Amino acid sequence: MEKYGLNQRFTETSADAALTLDAMAGVIHPGSYEDRLENLTSVIKAYEKRITFLDSQLDFVEAVLVRVSSYHSDL
């Protein structure tokens, strides 16, 4: 559930960053846009890091379940 929510927020934040970048195109002094884009980039990186961590946790749990299942069938 957490990974699903993170993926949703990741997608929304990425779209927001793309729109912000487009808005910067015609602006002479894009300072506020640059700050917003920097913040969005940090948020996107944090989402990526957490999703990667959750993937590794899921892989670990799946491996444990396989081992437990094979142990049980050996009895």
Protein backbone atom coordinates (compact mmCIF):
# COMPACT_ATOMS: atom_id res chain seq x y z
CA MET A 1 0.00 0.00 0.00
CA GLU A 2 2.83 2.38 0.89
CA LYS A 3 4.61 1.72 -2.39
CA TYR A 4 1.40 2.31 -4.35
CA GLY A 5 0.90 5.67 -2.61
CA LEU A 6 4.51 6.65 -3.18
CA ASN A 7 4.27 5.78 -6.86
CA GLN A 8 1.14 7.94 -7.14
CA ARG A 9 2.83 10.90 -5.43
CA PHE A 10 5.99 10.34 -7.48
CA THR A 11 3.99 10.56 -10.71
CA GLU A 12 2.11 13.67 -9.57
CA THR A 13 5.30 15.39 -8.37
CA SER A 14 7.11 14.55 -11.61
CA ALA A 15 4.26 16.07 -13.62
CA ASP A 16 4.36 19.16 -11.39
CA ALA A 17 8.11 19.46 -11.97
CA ALA A 18 7.62 19.20 -15.73
CA LEU A 19 4.97 21.92 -15.68
CA THR A 20 7.21 24.12 -13.54
CA LEU A 21 10.07 23.63 -15.99
CA ASP A 22 7.79 24.59 -18.88
CA ALA A 23 6.65 27.69 -17.00
CA MET A 24 10.28 28.74 -16.52
CA ALA A 25 10.92 28.80 -20.27
CA GLY A 26 9.67 32.30 -20.97
CA VAL A 27 10.54 33.96 -17.66
CA ILE A 28 13.40 36.47 -17.44
CA HIS A 29 13.95 36.04 -13.66
CA PRO A 30 12.92 32.46 -12.84
CA GLY A 31 14.05 32.62 -9.19
CA SER A 32 10.82 31.42 -7.58
CA TYR A 33 10.45 28.72 -10.22
CA GLU A 34 14.01 27.57 -9.59
CA ASP A 35 13.32 27.26 -5.87
CA ARG A 36 10.15 25.27 -6.55
CA LEU A 37 11.93 23.02 -9.05
CA GLU A 38 14.76 22.39 -6.59
CA ASN A 39 12.24 21.43 -3.91
CA LEU A 40 10.34 19.13 -6.27
CA THR A 41 13.62 17.48 -7.31
CA SER A 42 14.46 16.77 -3.66
CA VAL A 43 11.02 15.28 -3.09
CA ILE A 44 11.29 13.09 -6.20
CA LYS A 45 14.70 11.79 -5.07
CA ALA A 46 13.28 10.96 -1.63
CA TYR A 47 10.39 9.06 -3.23
CA GLU A 48 12.83 7.11 -5.43
CA LYS A 49 14.98 6.23 -2.44
CA ARG A 50 12.01 5.01 -0.39
CA ILE A 51 10.55 3.01 -3.29
CA THR A 52 13.92 1.32 -3.83
CA PHE A 53 14.11 0.48 -0.13
CA LEU A 54 10.58 -0.94 -0.15
CA ASP A 55 11.44 -3.05 -3.20
CA SER A 56 14.42 -4.53 -1.37
CA GLN A 57 12.24 -5.24 1.67
CA LEU A 58 9.65 -6.97 -0.52
CA ASP A 59 12.37 -9.08 -2.15
CA PHE A 60 13.69 -10.07 1.27
CA VAL A 61 10.26 -11.03 2.61
CA GLU A 62 9.48 -13.03 -0.53
CA ALA A 63 12.77 -14.92 -0.17
CA VAL A 64 12.01 -15.67 3.49
CA LEU A 65 8.54 -16.93 2.57
CA VAL A 66 10.00 -19.23 -0.08
CA ARG A 67 12.50 -20.64 2.43
CA VAL A 68 9.83 -21.12 5.09
CA SER A 69 7.56 -22.79 2.56
CA SER A 70 10.30 -25.15 1.39
CA TYR A 71 11.23 -25.95 4.99
CA HIS A 72 7.62 -26.76 5.79
CA SER A 73 7.27 -29.03 2.75
CA ASP A 74 10.44 -30.91 3.76
CA LEU A 75 8.85 -31.97 7.04
